Each structure stands twice: as C-alpha cells, then as structure tokens.
Amino acid sequence: MTLHSSISLASLGVLAVLAGCGGSLRLSAATPMRATPIAEVQVVYGADLDQGKLDVLNDLEVAVHMQAALRSSFPVGNGPRMLVMITRYRTGRWGPTRMNADATLVGPDGTVQQTIPVSSTTIRGSNARSKTQRVAQDCVNQLVGSLP
C-alpha cells in the first residue's frame, strides 16, 4: 500500500464518520405494544423553546420520529387522542442533554382524560444527535409505559 492510498483510505474514513454525525433520529416503538387503543398521536414543540433549540429539533426531525414511534406503540382504535408537547430541550457541546414533554390524552368528547409529564437526561453519547436520540427514546418509553 502506498502513502497516497493510505491517505485516501484515511480520508474516506473521516468522511464516513462525518456523514454519520448528521441526519435524523432512529426511534423505535416501545415494546411490548400497549393494549390501550389511541385514535391519533401528535407531537409538537412548545412555544417557549428558543429558535436555536427549534432548529436542532427540526433538523433532527424529533417530532416526526417521536410521533411515529408512539403511533407504532399503540393499536389504532376508538380511544383518546394523544397530544405530546416538548416543553424543554437542552443540548450542547458540554453537559447533559435534557428533554421534558407533557402528553395530554383527550377523549372523543374533548375532555382531558389524563396528563402525563415525562423527563429525560443523559450525558451518554458522542454528539447532539446521539444524545437527543437517547432522551427522545426514553420519553417515548416513559409515555408508553405510563398507560395500561
């Protein structure tokens, strides 16, 4: 192997690592699937989140992936609608990543049946994406685990 080919292989390795740093999250449905039917799931961002935090959440498509994971965790049926609002998010180069969310279950008649607050914090992960994925998955798991 020549010096030139060694440098080329090293460059490809750096590009592969950098390519893995971006992109959206991969969240899974909580298992086992819960028995409670949910008519609809919606995940939104709270009005108090500043634009920098919203940019990160939107770039990672957090609401889209949390909504899909929650939808996959419950059977579709005649049941309440679940509205999840991400109320707090913090990530950065140093320190923990945090996410707080409130889920509201609204019955078919429009009455609030239950409100479920969840919170997750982690220091594990090598970048904002991996830390955000960890706290978002934990919030999904907590929400699913809180229903029968």
C-alpha atoms as a PDB file:
ATOM      1  CA  MET A   1       0.000   0.000   0.000  1.00  0.00           C
ATOM      2  CA  THR A   2       1.419   3.365  -0.970  1.00  0.00           C
ATOM      3  CA  LEU A   3       1.354   6.558   1.042  1.00  0.00           C
ATOM      4  CA  HIS A   4      -1.191   8.033  -1.390  1.00  0.00           C
ATOM      5  CA  SER A   5      -3.630   5.130  -0.999  1.00  0.00           C
ATOM      6  CA  SER A   6      -3.234   5.241   2.811  1.00  0.00           C
ATOM      7  CA  ILE A   7      -4.157   8.908   2.838  1.00  0.00           C
ATOM      8  CA  SER A   8      -7.139   8.247   0.552  1.00  0.00           C
ATOM      9  CA  LEU A   9      -8.423   5.465   2.814  1.00  0.00           C
ATOM     10  CA  ALA A  10      -7.983   7.686   5.872  1.00  0.00           C
ATOM     11  CA  SER A  11      -9.899  10.469   4.107  1.00  0.00           C
ATOM     12  CA  LEU A  12     -12.751   8.099   3.315  1.00  0.00           C
ATOM     13  CA  GLY A  13     -12.870   7.040   6.962  1.00  0.00           C
ATOM     14  CA  VAL A  14     -13.122  10.661   8.098  1.00  0.00           C
ATOM     15  CA  LEU A  15     -15.909  11.312   5.582  1.00  0.00           C
ATOM     16  CA  ALA A  16     -17.810   8.249   6.784  1.00  0.00           C
ATOM     17  CA  VAL A  17     -17.584   9.428  10.395  1.00  0.00           C
ATOM     18  CA  LEU A  18     -18.710  12.931   9.452  1.00  0.00           C
ATOM     19  CA  ALA A  19     -21.589  11.552   7.391  1.00  0.00           C
ATOM     20  CA  GLY A  20     -22.759   9.612  10.458  1.00  0.00           C
ATOM     21  CA  CYS A  21     -22.910  12.757  12.594  1.00  0.00           C
ATOM     22  CA  GLY A  22     -25.779  14.376  10.754  1.00  0.00           C
ATOM     23  CA  GLY A  23     -29.205  13.179   9.828  1.00  0.00           C
ATOM     24  CA  SER A  24     -32.321  12.433  11.714  1.00  0.00           C
ATOM     25  CA  LEU A  25     -33.045  10.107  14.591  1.00  0.00           C
ATOM     26  CA  ARG A  26     -33.978   6.446  14.652  1.00  0.00           C
ATOM     27  CA  LEU A  27     -36.579   5.895  17.353  1.00  0.00           C
ATOM     28  CA  SER A  28     -38.270   2.566  17.994  1.00  0.00           C
ATOM     29  CA  ALA A  29     -41.740   1.716  19.170  1.00  0.00           C
ATOM     30  CA  ALA A  30     -41.804   0.817  22.834  1.00  0.00           C
ATOM     31  CA  THR A  31     -42.221  -2.893  23.418  1.00  0.00           C
ATOM     32  CA  PRO A  32     -44.395  -4.640  24.136  1.00  0.00           C
ATOM     33  CA  MET A  33     -47.189  -2.840  22.315  1.00  0.00           C
ATOM     34  CA  ARG A  34     -49.714  -1.490  24.793  1.00  0.00           C
ATOM     35  CA  ALA A  35     -53.344  -2.634  24.795  1.00  0.00           C
ATOM     36  CA  THR A  36     -54.812   0.865  25.069  1.00  0.00           C
ATOM     37  CA  PRO A  37     -56.103   1.997  21.657  1.00  0.00           C
ATOM     38  CA  ILE A  38     -55.116   5.537  20.662  1.00  0.00           C
ATOM     39  CA  ALA A  39     -57.061   7.308  17.915  1.00  0.00           C
ATOM     40  CA  GLU A  40     -54.355   9.822  16.974  1.00  0.00           C
ATOM     41  CA  VAL A  41     -50.877  10.909  18.075  1.00  0.00           C
ATOM     42  CA  GLN A  42     -49.472  14.384  17.559  1.00  0.00           C
ATOM     43  CA  VAL A  43     -46.075  15.686  18.752  1.00  0.00           C
ATOM     44  CA  VAL A  44     -45.416  19.442  18.760  1.00  0.00           C
ATOM     45  CA  TYR A  45     -42.843  21.863  20.138  1.00  0.00           C
ATOM     46  CA  GLY A  46     -43.686  24.219  22.984  1.00  0.00           C
ATOM     47  CA  ALA A  47     -43.915  27.935  22.345  1.00  0.00           C
ATOM     48  CA  ASP A  48     -41.236  28.671  24.975  1.00  0.00           C
ATOM     49  CA  LEU A  49     -38.428  26.894  23.074  1.00  0.00           C
ATOM     50  CA  ASP A  50     -35.998  29.389  21.560  1.00  0.00           C
ATOM     51  CA  GLN A  51     -35.184  29.370  17.844  1.00  0.00           C
ATOM     52  CA  GLY A  52     -31.777  27.692  18.263  1.00  0.00           C
ATOM     53  CA  LYS A  53     -33.358  24.729  20.046  1.00  0.00           C
ATOM     54  CA  LEU A  54     -36.158  24.552  17.481  1.00  0.00           C
ATOM     55  CA  ASP A  55     -33.587  24.494  14.686  1.00  0.00           C
ATOM     56  CA  VAL A  56     -31.814  21.489  16.224  1.00  0.00           C
ATOM     57  CA  LEU A  57     -35.110  19.677  16.910  1.00  0.00           C
ATOM     58  CA  ASN A  58     -36.319  20.336  13.360  1.00  0.00           C
ATOM     59  CA  ASP A  59     -33.010  19.323  11.768  1.00  0.00           C
ATOM     60  CA  LEU A  60     -33.174  16.009  13.629  1.00  0.00           C
ATOM     61  CA  GLU A  61     -36.916  15.633  12.900  1.00  0.00           C
ATOM     62  CA  VAL A  62     -37.552  14.824  16.551  1.00  0.00           C
ATOM     63  CA  ALA A  63     -41.330  15.413  16.464  1.00  0.00           C
ATOM     64  CA  VAL A  64     -41.759  13.280  13.330  1.00  0.00           C
ATOM     65  CA  HIS A  65     -39.819  10.353  14.780  1.00  0.00           C
ATOM     66  CA  MET A  66     -41.383  10.549  18.239  1.00  0.00           C
ATOM     67  CA  GLN A  67     -44.832  10.646  16.664  1.00  0.00           C
ATOM     68  CA  ALA A  68     -44.086   7.580  14.510  1.00  0.00           C
ATOM     69  CA  ALA A  69     -42.631   5.646  17.467  1.00  0.00           C
ATOM     70  CA  LEU A  70     -45.624   6.474  19.666  1.00  0.00           C
ATOM     71  CA  ARG A  71     -48.089   5.625  16.880  1.00  0.00           C
ATOM     72  CA  SER A  72     -46.408   2.226  16.464  1.00  0.00           C
ATOM     73  CA  SER A  73     -46.617   1.547  20.209  1.00  0.00           C
ATOM     74  CA  PHE A  74     -50.425   1.537  20.413  1.00  0.00           C
ATOM     75  CA  PRO A  75     -53.161  -0.141  18.429  1.00  0.00           C
ATOM     76  CA  VAL A  76     -55.276   2.217  16.336  1.00  0.00           C
ATOM     77  CA  GLY A  77     -58.848   2.357  17.539  1.00  0.00           C
ATOM     78  CA  ASN A  78     -61.566   4.271  19.269  1.00  0.00           C
ATOM     79  CA  GLY A  79     -59.667   5.823  22.080  1.00  0.00           C
ATOM     80  CA  PRO A  80     -58.253   9.127  23.179  1.00  0.00           C
ATOM     81  CA  ARG A  81     -56.054  11.398  21.085  1.00  0.00           C
ATOM     82  CA  MET A  82     -52.538  11.867  22.422  1.00  0.00           C
ATOM     83  CA  LEU A  83     -51.010  15.328  22.147  1.00  0.00           C
ATOM     84  CA  VAL A  84     -47.352  15.466  23.195  1.00  0.00           C
ATOM     85  CA  MET A  85     -45.698  18.843  23.674  1.00  0.00           C
ATOM     86  CA  ILE A  86     -41.925  19.046  24.051  1.00  0.00           C
ATOM     87  CA  THR A  87     -41.619  21.762  26.674  1.00  0.00           C
ATOM     88  CA  ARG A  88     -37.883  21.787  27.384  1.00  0.00           C
ATOM     89  CA  TYR A  89     -34.821  20.790  25.419  1.00  0.00           C
ATOM     90  CA  ARG A  90     -31.176  21.362  26.132  1.00  0.00           C
ATOM     91  CA  THR A  91     -28.147  20.050  24.335  1.00  0.00           C
ATOM     92  CA  GLY A  92     -24.681  21.370  23.819  1.00  0.00           C
ATOM     93  CA  ARG A  93     -21.077  20.527  23.448  1.00  0.00           C
ATOM     94  CA  TRP A  94     -20.660  20.236  27.231  1.00  0.00           C
ATOM     95  CA  GLY A  95     -23.006  18.962  29.881  1.00  0.00           C
ATOM     96  CA  PRO A  96     -26.110  16.834  29.759  1.00  0.00           C
ATOM     97  CA  THR A  97     -28.845  16.737  27.149  1.00  0.00           C
ATOM     98  CA  ARG A  98     -32.345  17.120  28.593  1.00  0.00           C
ATOM     99  CA  MET A  99     -35.863  16.809  27.272  1.00  0.00           C
ATOM    100  CA  ASN A 100     -39.149  17.391  29.064  1.00  0.00           C
ATOM    101  CA  ALA A 101     -42.533  16.718  27.492  1.00  0.00           C
ATOM    102  CA  ASP A 102     -46.163  16.704  28.552  1.00  0.00           C
ATOM    103  CA  ALA A 103     -48.643  14.307  26.996  1.00  0.00           C
ATOM    104  CA  THR A 104     -52.340  15.030  27.163  1.00  0.00           C
ATOM    105  CA  LEU A 105     -54.912  12.347  26.432  1.00  0.00           C
ATOM    106  CA  VAL A 106     -58.097  13.918  25.062  1.00  0.00           C
ATOM    107  CA  GLY A 107     -61.251  11.822  24.845  1.00  0.00           C
ATOM    108  CA  PRO A 108     -63.568  11.726  21.827  1.00  0.00           C
ATOM    109  CA  ASP A 109     -65.814  14.271  23.566  1.00  0.00           C
ATOM    110  CA  GLY A 110     -62.912  16.723  24.004  1.00  0.00           C
ATOM    111  CA  THR A 111     -62.385  16.208  27.724  1.00  0.00           C
ATOM    112  CA  VAL A 112     -58.883  15.815  29.091  1.00  0.00           C
ATOM    113  CA  GLN A 113     -58.595  12.277  30.433  1.00  0.00           C
ATOM    114  CA  GLN A 114     -55.007  12.300  31.627  1.00  0.00           C
ATOM    115  CA  THR A 115     -51.873  14.450  31.591  1.00  0.00           C
ATOM    116  CA  ILE A 116     -48.511  12.700  31.692  1.00  0.00           C
ATOM    117  CA  PRO A 117     -45.269  14.637  32.287  1.00  0.00           C
ATOM    118  CA  VAL A 118     -42.018  12.933  31.266  1.00  0.00           C
ATOM    119  CA  SER A 119     -38.401  13.966  31.579  1.00  0.00           C
ATOM    120  CA  SER A 120     -35.093  12.504  30.460  1.00  0.00           C
ATOM    121  CA  THR A 121     -31.444  13.482  30.917  1.00  0.00           C
ATOM    122  CA  THR A 122     -28.295  11.893  29.551  1.00  0.00           C
ATOM    123  CA  ILE A 123     -24.603  12.569  29.323  1.00  0.00           C
ATOM    124  CA  ARG A 124     -24.015   9.448  27.205  1.00  0.00           C
ATOM    125  CA  GLY A 125     -23.388   9.980  23.521  1.00  0.00           C
ATOM    126  CA  SER A 126     -20.743  11.454  21.302  1.00  0.00           C
ATOM    127  CA  ASN A 127     -22.765  14.213  19.632  1.00  0.00           C
ATOM    128  CA  ALA A 128     -26.033  16.135  19.821  1.00  0.00           C
ATOM    129  CA  ARG A 129     -27.817  13.652  17.552  1.00  0.00           C
ATOM    130  CA  SER A 130     -26.962  10.588  19.633  1.00  0.00           C
ATOM    131  CA  LYS A 131     -27.780  12.340  22.921  1.00  0.00           C
ATOM    132  CA  THR A 132     -31.060  13.688  21.539  1.00  0.00           C
ATOM    133  CA  GLN A 133     -31.966  10.254  20.212  1.00  0.00           C
ATOM    134  CA  ARG A 134     -31.365   8.778  23.673  1.00  0.00           C
ATOM    135  CA  VAL A 135     -33.570  11.305  25.541  1.00  0.00           C
ATOM    136  CA  ALA A 136     -36.319  11.215  22.888  1.00  0.00           C
ATOM    137  CA  GLN A 137     -36.443   7.391  23.005  1.00  0.00           C
ATOM    138  CA  ASP A 138     -36.583   7.490  26.796  1.00  0.00           C
ATOM    139  CA  CYS A 139     -39.501   9.952  26.676  1.00  0.00           C
ATOM    140  CA  VAL A 140     -41.341   7.659  24.238  1.00  0.00           C
ATOM    141  CA  ASN A 141     -40.734   4.657  26.513  1.00  0.00           C
ATOM    142  CA  GLN A 142     -41.944   6.556  29.588  1.00  0.00           C
ATOM    143  CA  LEU A 143     -45.123   7.704  27.835  1.00  0.00           C
ATOM    144  CA  VAL A 144     -45.969   4.229  26.598  1.00  0.00           C
ATOM    145  CA  GLY A 145     -45.162   2.689  29.961  1.00  0.00           C
ATOM    146  CA  SER A 146     -47.492   5.069  31.772  1.00  0.00           C
ATOM    147  CA  LEU A 147     -50.622   3.740  30.043  1.00  0.00           C
ATOM    148  CA  PRO A 148     -52.317   0.369  30.649  1.00  0.00           C
END
